Amino acid sequence: MGFLIRILFLIVLVLLVLNLLKKARQQPTHTSNQQPGGAIQMAKCAECQVQFPLSEAVNKGPHQFCSTAHLQRWLGKE
């Protein structure tokens, strides 16, 4: 009976190690729009004032827009 418990313990241990290795491989790398804490940097559209991820920004000089349509609308107001 002790032999069977040792085998079961070994199987569980191997499965735990494999699970940890799998999770370590799946961790995402930091992208340019993420801060060290994992928070995504946000931008505010100069046209509609809605906040959105900085990585999706359409830039025109110092201004950021959530879409090209809002950039075009903003350019029409100038």
PDB file of N, CA and C in Angstrom:
ATOM      1  N   MET A   1       0.817  -1.192   0.000  1.00  0.00           N
ATOM      2  CA  MET A   1       0.000   0.000   0.000  1.00  0.00           C
ATOM      3  C   MET A   1       0.867   1.264   0.000  1.00  0.00           C
ATOM      4  N   GLY A   2       1.984   1.251   0.726  1.00  0.00           N
ATOM      5  CA  GLY A   2       2.887   2.395   0.766  1.00  0.00           C
ATOM      6  C   GLY A   2       3.486   2.691  -0.600  1.00  0.00           C
ATOM      7  N   PHE A   3       3.732   1.644  -1.372  1.00  0.00           N
ATOM      8  CA  PHE A   3       4.287   1.808  -2.713  1.00  0.00           C
ATOM      9  C   PHE A   3       3.308   2.564  -3.606  1.00  0.00           C
ATOM     10  N   LEU A   4       2.026   2.267  -3.514  1.00  0.00           N
ATOM     11  CA  LEU A   4       1.000   2.902  -4.319  1.00  0.00           C
ATOM     12  C   LEU A   4       0.871   4.386  -3.973  1.00  0.00           C
ATOM     13  N   ILE A   5       0.975   4.727  -2.690  1.00  0.00           N
ATOM     14  CA  ILE A   5       0.908   6.121  -2.255  1.00  0.00           C
ATOM     15  C   ILE A   5       2.100   6.899  -2.794  1.00  0.00           C
ATOM     16  N   ARG A   6       3.274   6.302  -2.784  1.00  0.00           N
ATOM     17  CA  ARG A   6       4.466   6.965  -3.323  1.00  0.00           C
ATOM     18  C   ARG A   6       4.321   7.230  -4.820  1.00  0.00           C
ATOM     19  N   ILE A   7       3.785   6.285  -5.557  1.00  0.00           N
ATOM     20  CA  ILE A   7       3.580   6.450  -6.998  1.00  0.00           C
ATOM     21  C   ILE A   7       2.588   7.587  -7.258  1.00  0.00           C
ATOM     22  N   LEU A   8       1.478   7.614  -6.500  1.00  0.00           N
ATOM     23  CA  LEU A   8       0.491   8.680  -6.654  1.00  0.00           C
ATOM     24  C   LEU A   8       1.100  10.041  -6.314  1.00  0.00           C
ATOM     25  N   PHE A   9       1.894  10.107  -5.272  1.00  0.00           N
ATOM     26  CA  PHE A   9       2.561  11.347  -4.886  1.00  0.00           C
ATOM     27  C   PHE A   9       3.495  11.825  -5.992  1.00  0.00           C
ATOM     28  N   LEU A  10       4.242  10.912  -6.580  1.00  0.00           N
ATOM     29  CA  LEU A  10       5.150  11.254  -7.676  1.00  0.00           C
ATOM     30  C   LEU A  10       4.389  11.779  -8.896  1.00  0.00           C
ATOM     31  N   ILE A  11       3.269  11.148  -9.216  1.00  0.00           N
ATOM     32  CA  ILE A  11       2.463  11.588 -10.357  1.00  0.00           C
ATOM     33  C   ILE A  11       1.937  12.998 -10.123  1.00  0.00           C
ATOM     34  N   VAL A  12       1.421  13.265  -8.919  1.00  0.00           N
ATOM     35  CA  VAL A  12       0.906  14.591  -8.595  1.00  0.00           C
ATOM     36  C   VAL A  12       2.027  15.624  -8.664  1.00  0.00           C
ATOM     37  N   LEU A  13       3.195  15.286  -8.152  1.00  0.00           N
ATOM     38  CA  LEU A  13       4.334  16.192  -8.176  1.00  0.00           C
ATOM     39  C   LEU A  13       4.752  16.522  -9.608  1.00  0.00           C
ATOM     40  N   VAL A  14       4.813  15.542 -10.469  1.00  0.00           N
ATOM     41  CA  VAL A  14       5.183  15.757 -11.870  1.00  0.00           C
ATOM     42  C   VAL A  14       4.138  16.640 -12.561  1.00  0.00           C
ATOM     43  N   LEU A  15       2.847  16.394 -12.299  1.00  0.00           N
ATOM     44  CA  LEU A  15       1.805  17.214 -12.897  1.00  0.00           C
ATOM     45  C   LEU A  15       1.890  18.663 -12.436  1.00  0.00           C
ATOM     46  N   LEU A  16       2.198  18.902 -11.182  1.00  0.00           N
ATOM     47  CA  LEU A  16       2.347  20.264 -10.676  1.00  0.00           C
ATOM     48  C   LEU A  16       3.510  20.987 -11.351  1.00  0.00           C
ATOM     49  N   VAL A  17       4.621  20.304 -11.496  1.00  0.00           N
ATOM     50  CA  VAL A  17       5.783  20.905 -12.145  1.00  0.00           C
ATOM     51  C   VAL A  17       5.474  21.235 -13.603  1.00  0.00           C
ATOM     52  N   LEU A  18       4.808  20.324 -14.300  1.00  0.00           N
ATOM     53  CA  LEU A  18       4.449  20.576 -15.698  1.00  0.00           C
ATOM     54  C   LEU A  18       3.485  21.757 -15.821  1.00  0.00           C
ATOM     55  N   ASN A  19       2.557  21.853 -14.888  1.00  0.00           N
ATOM     56  CA  ASN A  19       1.604  22.969 -14.895  1.00  0.00           C
ATOM     57  C   ASN A  19       2.328  24.301 -14.668  1.00  0.00           C
ATOM     58  N   LEU A  20       3.278  24.335 -13.748  1.00  0.00           N
ATOM     59  CA  LEU A  20       4.047  25.551 -13.493  1.00  0.00           C
ATOM     60  C   LEU A  20       4.870  25.962 -14.712  1.00  0.00           C
ATOM     61  N   LEU A  21       5.465  24.990 -15.378  1.00  0.00           N
ATOM     62  CA  LEU A  21       6.242  25.286 -16.584  1.00  0.00           C
ATOM     63  C   LEU A  21       5.349  25.831 -17.698  1.00  0.00           C
ATOM     64  N   LYS A  22       4.160  25.271 -17.823  1.00  0.00           N
ATOM     65  CA  LYS A  22       3.226  25.730 -18.845  1.00  0.00           C
ATOM     66  C   LYS A  22       2.801  27.176 -18.576  1.00  0.00           C
ATOM     67  N   LYS A  23       2.519  27.508 -17.332  1.00  0.00           N
ATOM     68  CA  LYS A  23       2.121  28.875 -16.976  1.00  0.00           C
ATOM     69  C   LYS A  23       3.264  29.860 -17.189  1.00  0.00           C
ATOM     70  N   ALA A  24       4.494  29.437 -16.923  1.00  0.00           N
ATOM     71  CA  ALA A  24       5.648  30.310 -17.103  1.00  0.00           C
ATOM     72  C   ALA A  24       5.845  30.660 -18.580  1.00  0.00           C
ATOM     73  N   ARG A  25       5.555  29.749 -19.463  1.00  0.00           N
ATOM     74  CA  ARG A  25       5.688  30.002 -20.901  1.00  0.00           C
ATOM     75  C   ARG A  25       4.595  30.918 -21.422  1.00  0.00           C
ATOM     76  N   GLN A  26       3.428  30.924 -20.777  1.00  0.00           N
ATOM     77  CA  GLN A  26       2.292  31.689 -21.272  1.00  0.00           C
ATOM     78  C   GLN A  26       2.279  33.122 -20.779  1.00  0.00           C
ATOM     79  N   GLN A  27       3.173  33.512 -19.878  1.00  0.00           N
ATOM     80  CA  GLN A  27       3.169  34.868 -19.367  1.00  0.00           C
ATOM     81  C   GLN A  27       3.528  35.836 -20.489  1.00  0.00           C
ATOM     82  N   PRO A  28       2.705  36.878 -20.664  1.00  0.00           N
ATOM     83  CA  PRO A  28       2.974  37.823 -21.753  1.00  0.00           C
ATOM     84  C   PRO A  28       4.196  38.682 -21.459  1.00  0.00           C
ATOM     85  N   THR A  29       4.858  39.089 -22.508  1.00  0.00           N
ATOM     86  CA  THR A  29       5.978  40.004 -22.361  1.00  0.00           C
ATOM     87  C   THR A  29       5.432  41.415 -22.301  1.00  0.00           C
ATOM     88  N   HIS A  30       6.189  42.326 -21.747  1.00  0.00           N
ATOM     89  CA  HIS A  30       5.744  43.710 -21.649  1.00  0.00           C
ATOM     90  C   HIS A  30       5.749  44.350 -23.027  1.00  0.00           C
ATOM     91  N   THR A  31       4.653  44.985 -23.369  1.00  0.00           N
ATOM     92  CA  THR A  31       4.594  45.726 -24.622  1.00  0.00           C
ATOM     93  C   THR A  31       4.840  47.192 -24.325  1.00  0.00           C
ATOM     94  N   SER A  32       5.013  47.966 -25.359  1.00  0.00           N
ATOM     95  CA  SER A  32       5.377  49.365 -25.170  1.00  0.00           C
ATOM     96  C   SER A  32       4.283  50.184 -24.501  1.00  0.00           C
ATOM     97  N   ASN A  33       3.015  49.746 -24.562  1.00  0.00           N
ATOM     98  CA  ASN A  33       1.950  50.535 -23.968  1.00  0.00           C
ATOM     99  C   ASN A  33       1.615  50.096 -22.550  1.00  0.00           C
ATOM    100  N   GLN A  34       2.391  49.174 -21.979  1.00  0.00           N
ATOM    101  CA  GLN A  34       2.145  48.739 -20.616  1.00  0.00           C
ATOM    102  C   GLN A  34       3.176  49.323 -19.681  1.00  0.00           C
ATOM    103  N   GLN A  35       2.694  49.751 -18.529  1.00  0.00           N
ATOM    104  CA  GLN A  35       3.578  50.246 -17.497  1.00  0.00           C
ATOM    105  C   GLN A  35       4.077  49.042 -16.695  1.00  0.00           C
ATOM    106  N   PRO A  36       5.136  49.212 -15.891  1.00  0.00           N
ATOM    107  CA  PRO A  36       5.691  48.084 -15.142  1.00  0.00           C
ATOM    108  C   PRO A  36       4.669  47.336 -14.282  1.00  0.00           C
ATOM    109  N   GLY A  37       3.656  47.985 -13.765  1.00  0.00           N
ATOM    110  CA  GLY A  37       2.641  47.334 -12.942  1.00  0.00           C
ATOM    111  C   GLY A  37       1.630  46.548 -13.741  1.00  0.00           C
ATOM    112  N   GLY A  38       1.714  46.577 -15.058  1.00  0.00           N
ATOM    113  CA  GLY A  38       0.791  45.855 -15.905  1.00  0.00           C
ATOM    114  C   GLY A  38      -0.364  46.711 -16.394  1.00  0.00           C
ATOM    115  N   ALA A  39      -0.458  47.961 -15.931  1.00  0.00           N
ATOM    116  CA  ALA A  39      -1.537  48.845 -16.364  1.00  0.00           C
ATOM    117  C   ALA A  39      -1.265  49.332 -17.783  1.00  0.00           C
ATOM    118  N   ILE A  40      -2.310  49.466 -18.557  1.00  0.00           N
ATOM    119  CA  ILE A  40      -2.183  49.937 -19.936  1.00  0.00           C
ATOM    120  C   ILE A  40      -2.245  51.460 -19.943  1.00  0.00           C
ATOM    121  N   GLN A  41      -1.328  52.081 -20.672  1.00  0.00           N
ATOM    122  CA  GLN A  41      -1.331  53.544 -20.788  1.00  0.00           C
ATOM    123  C   GLN A  41      -2.529  53.970 -21.631  1.00  0.00           C
ATOM    124  N   MET A  42      -3.206  55.001 -21.174  1.00  0.00           N
ATOM    125  CA  MET A  42      -4.399  55.480 -21.848  1.00  0.00           C
ATOM    126  C   MET A  42      -4.148  56.861 -22.455  1.00  0.00           C
ATOM    127  N   ALA A  43      -4.915  57.174 -23.482  1.00  0.00           N
ATOM    128  CA  ALA A  43      -4.873  58.487 -24.121  1.00  0.00           C
ATOM    129  C   ALA A  43      -6.302  59.024 -24.168  1.00  0.00           C
ATOM    130  N   LYS A  44      -6.434  60.328 -24.356  1.00  0.00           N
ATOM    131  CA  LYS A  44      -7.750  60.964 -24.449  1.00  0.00           C
ATOM    132  C   LYS A  44      -7.898  61.559 -25.840  1.00  0.00           C
ATOM    133  N   CYS A  45      -8.980  61.217 -26.504  1.00  0.00           N
ATOM    134  CA  CYS A  45      -9.246  61.730 -27.849  1.00  0.00           C
ATOM    135  C   CYS A  45      -9.463  63.236 -27.787  1.00  0.00           C
ATOM    136  N   ALA A  46      -8.766  63.971 -28.643  1.00  0.00           N
ATOM    137  CA  ALA A  46      -8.895  65.428 -28.675  1.00  0.00           C
ATOM    138  C   ALA A  46     -10.267  65.851 -29.196  1.00  0.00           C
ATOM    139  N   GLU A  47     -10.971  64.968 -29.879  1.00  0.00           N
ATOM    140  CA  GLU A  47     -12.280  65.300 -30.442  1.00  0.00           C
ATOM    141  C   GLU A  47     -13.421  64.955 -29.484  1.00  0.00           C
ATOM    142  N   CYS A  48     -13.484  63.706 -29.017  1.00  0.00           N
ATOM    143  CA  CYS A  48     -14.639  63.270 -28.214  1.00  0.00           C
ATOM    144  C   CYS A  48     -14.329  63.126 -26.726  1.00  0.00           C
ATOM    145  N   GLN A  49     -13.084  63.276 -26.335  1.00  0.00           N
ATOM    146  CA  GLN A  49     -12.629  63.215 -24.939  1.00  0.00           C
ATOM    147  C   GLN A  49     -12.748  61.821 -24.310  1.00  0.00           C
ATOM    148  N   VAL A  50     -12.966  60.792 -25.110  1.00  0.00           N
ATOM    149  CA  VAL A  50     -13.047  59.420 -24.604  1.00  0.00           C
ATOM    150  C   VAL A  50     -11.640  58.879 -24.428  1.00  0.00           C
ATOM    151  N   GLN A  51     -11.435  58.138 -23.345  1.00  0.00           N
ATOM    152  CA  GLN A  51     -10.123  57.522 -23.125  1.00  0.00           C
ATOM    153  C   GLN A  51     -10.074  56.160 -23.797  1.00  0.00           C
ATOM    154  N   PHE A  52      -8.906  55.842 -24.342  1.00  0.00           N
ATOM    155  CA  PHE A  52      -8.701  54.595 -25.072  1.00  0.00           C
ATOM    156  C   PHE A  52      -7.233  54.209 -24.942  1.00  0.00           C
ATOM    157  N   PRO A  53      -6.861  52.947 -25.242  1.00  0.00           N
ATOM    158  CA  PRO A  53      -5.457  52.530 -25.129  1.00  0.00           C
ATOM    159  C   PRO A  53      -4.555  53.346 -26.059  1.00  0.00           C
ATOM    160  N   LEU A  54      -3.431  53.781 -25.525  1.00  0.00           N
ATOM    161  CA  LEU A  54      -2.491  54.598 -26.284  1.00  0.00           C
ATOM    162  C   LEU A  54      -1.994  53.881 -27.535  1.00  0.00           C
ATOM    163  N   SER A  55      -1.936  52.562 -27.478  1.00  0.00           N
ATOM    164  CA  SER A  55      -1.440  51.803 -28.633  1.00  0.00           C
ATOM    165  C   SER A  55      -2.379  51.917 -29.834  1.00  0.00           C
ATOM    166  N   GLU A  56      -3.640  52.330 -29.618  1.00  0.00           N
ATOM    167  CA  GLU A  56      -4.601  52.463 -30.711  1.00  0.00           C
ATOM    168  C   GLU A  56      -4.735  53.899 -31.202  1.00  0.00           C
ATOM    169  N   ALA A  57      -3.907  54.805 -30.705  1.00  0.00           N
ATOM    170  CA  ALA A  57      -4.046  56.229 -31.005  1.00  0.00           C
ATOM    171  C   ALA A  57      -3.670  56.557 -32.443  1.00  0.00           C
ATOM    172  N   VAL A  58      -4.397  57.521 -32.999  1.00  0.00           N
ATOM    173  CA  VAL A  58      -4.053  58.147 -34.272  1.00  0.00           C
ATOM    174  C   VAL A  58      -3.488  59.511 -33.885  1.00  0.00           C
ATOM    175  N   ASN A  59      -2.226  59.748 -34.186  1.00  0.00           N
ATOM    176  CA  ASN A  59      -1.545  60.962 -33.726  1.00  0.00           C
ATOM    177  C   ASN A  59      -1.503  62.029 -34.812  1.00  0.00           C
ATOM    178  N   LYS A  60      -1.656  63.264 -34.355  1.00  0.00           N
ATOM    179  CA  LYS A  60      -1.474  64.440 -35.225  1.00  0.00           C
ATOM    180  C   LYS A  60      -0.800  65.487 -34.357  1.00  0.00           C
ATOM    181  N   GLY A  61       0.503  65.613 -34.507  1.00  0.00           N
ATOM    182  CA  GLY A  61       1.260  66.517 -33.645  1.00  0.00           C
ATOM    183  C   GLY A  61       1.155  66.041 -32.202  1.00  0.00           C
ATOM    184  N   PRO A  62       0.855  66.967 -31.289  1.00  0.00           N
ATOM    185  CA  PRO A  62       0.768  66.568 -29.882  1.00  0.00           C
ATOM    186  C   PRO A  62      -0.589  65.964 -29.519  1.00  0.00           C
ATOM    187  N   HIS A  63      -1.518  65.902 -30.470  1.00  0.00           N
ATOM    188  CA  HIS A  63      -2.878  65.429 -30.189  1.00  0.00           C
ATOM    189  C   HIS A  63      -3.040  63.956 -30.551  1.00  0.00           C
ATOM    190  N   GLN A  64      -3.905  63.282 -29.796  1.00  0.00           N
ATOM    191  CA  GLN A  64      -4.229  61.889 -30.084  1.00  0.00           C
ATOM    192  C   GLN A  64      -5.729  61.762 -30.331  1.00  0.00           C
ATOM    193  N   PHE A  65      -6.076  60.848 -31.228  1.00  0.00           N
ATOM    194  CA  PHE A  65      -7.473  60.630 -31.593  1.00  0.00           C
ATOM    195  C   PHE A  65      -7.784  59.144 -31.534  1.00  0.00           C
ATOM    196  N   CYS A  66      -9.041  58.825 -31.245  1.00  0.00           N
ATOM    197  CA  CYS A  66      -9.439  57.423 -31.131  1.00  0.00           C
ATOM    198  C   CYS A  66      -9.703  56.795 -32.498  1.00  0.00           C
ATOM    199  N   SER A  67      -9.840  57.617 -33.535  1.00  0.00           N
ATOM    200  CA  SER A  67     -10.073  57.086 -34.877  1.00  0.00           C
ATOM    201  C   SER A  67      -9.667  58.137 -35.913  1.00  0.00           C
ATOM    202  N   THR A  68      -9.505  57.680 -37.142  1.00  0.00           N
ATOM    203  CA  THR A  68      -9.180  58.622 -38.215  1.00  0.00           C
ATOM    204  C   THR A  68     -10.370  59.524 -38.516  1.00  0.00           C
ATOM    205  N   ALA A  69     -11.586  59.026 -38.295  1.00  0.00           N
ATOM    206  CA  ALA A  69     -12.777  59.865 -38.510  1.00  0.00           C
ATOM    207  C   ALA A  69     -12.764  61.054 -37.554  1.00  0.00           C
ATOM    208  N   HIS A  70     -12.366  60.832 -36.307  1.00  0.00           N
ATOM    209  CA  HIS A  70     -12.311  61.939 -35.354  1.00  0.00           C
ATOM    210  C   HIS A  70     -11.166  62.892 -35.685  1.00  0.00           C
ATOM    211  N   LEU A  71     -10.079  62.373 -36.203  1.00  0.00           N
ATOM    212  CA  LEU A  71      -8.991  63.245 -36.656  1.00  0.00           C
ATOM    213  C   LEU A  71      -9.491  64.143 -37.772  1.00  0.00           C
ATOM    214  N   GLN A  72     -10.182  63.565 -38.747  1.00  0.00           N
ATOM    215  CA  GLN A  72     -10.704  64.357 -39.883  1.00  0.00           C
ATOM    216  C   GLN A  72     -11.713  65.402 -39.415  1.00  0.00           C
ATOM    217  N   ARG A  73     -12.588  65.027 -38.482  1.00  0.00           N
ATOM    218  CA  ARG A  73     -13.577  65.977 -37.958  1.00  0.00           C
ATOM    219  C   ARG A  73     -12.874  67.111 -37.226  1.00  0.00           C
ATOM    220  N   TRP A  74     -11.828  66.784 -36.441  1.00  0.00           N
ATOM    221  CA  TRP A  74     -11.078  67.794 -35.701  1.00  0.00           C
ATOM    222  C   TRP A  74     -10.335  68.731 -36.652  1.00  0.00           C
ATOM    223  N   LEU A  75      -9.786  68.178 -37.734  1.00  0.00           N
ATOM    224  CA  LEU A  75      -9.089  69.002 -38.729  1.00  0.00           C
ATOM    225  C   LEU A  75     -10.061  69.949 -39.423  1.00  0.00           C
ATOM    226  N   GLY A  76     -11.312  69.531 -39.599  1.00  0.00           N
ATOM    227  CA  GLY A  76     -12.313  70.383 -40.211  1.00  0.00           C
ATOM    228  C   GLY A  76     -12.704  71.561 -39.343  1.00  0.00           C
ATOM    229  N   LYS A  77     -12.535  71.437 -38.029  1.00  0.00           N
ATOM    230  CA  LYS A  77     -12.889  72.513 -37.096  1.00  0.00           C
ATOM    231  C   LYS A  77     -11.821  73.602 -37.049  1.00  0.00           C
ATOM    232  N   GLU A  78     -10.604  73.240 -37.409  1.00  0.00           N
ATOM    233  CA  GLU A  78      -9.493  74.226 -37.318  1.00  0.00           C
ATOM    234  C   GLU A  78      -9.641  75.324 -38.337  1.00  0.00           C
TER     235      GLU A  78
END
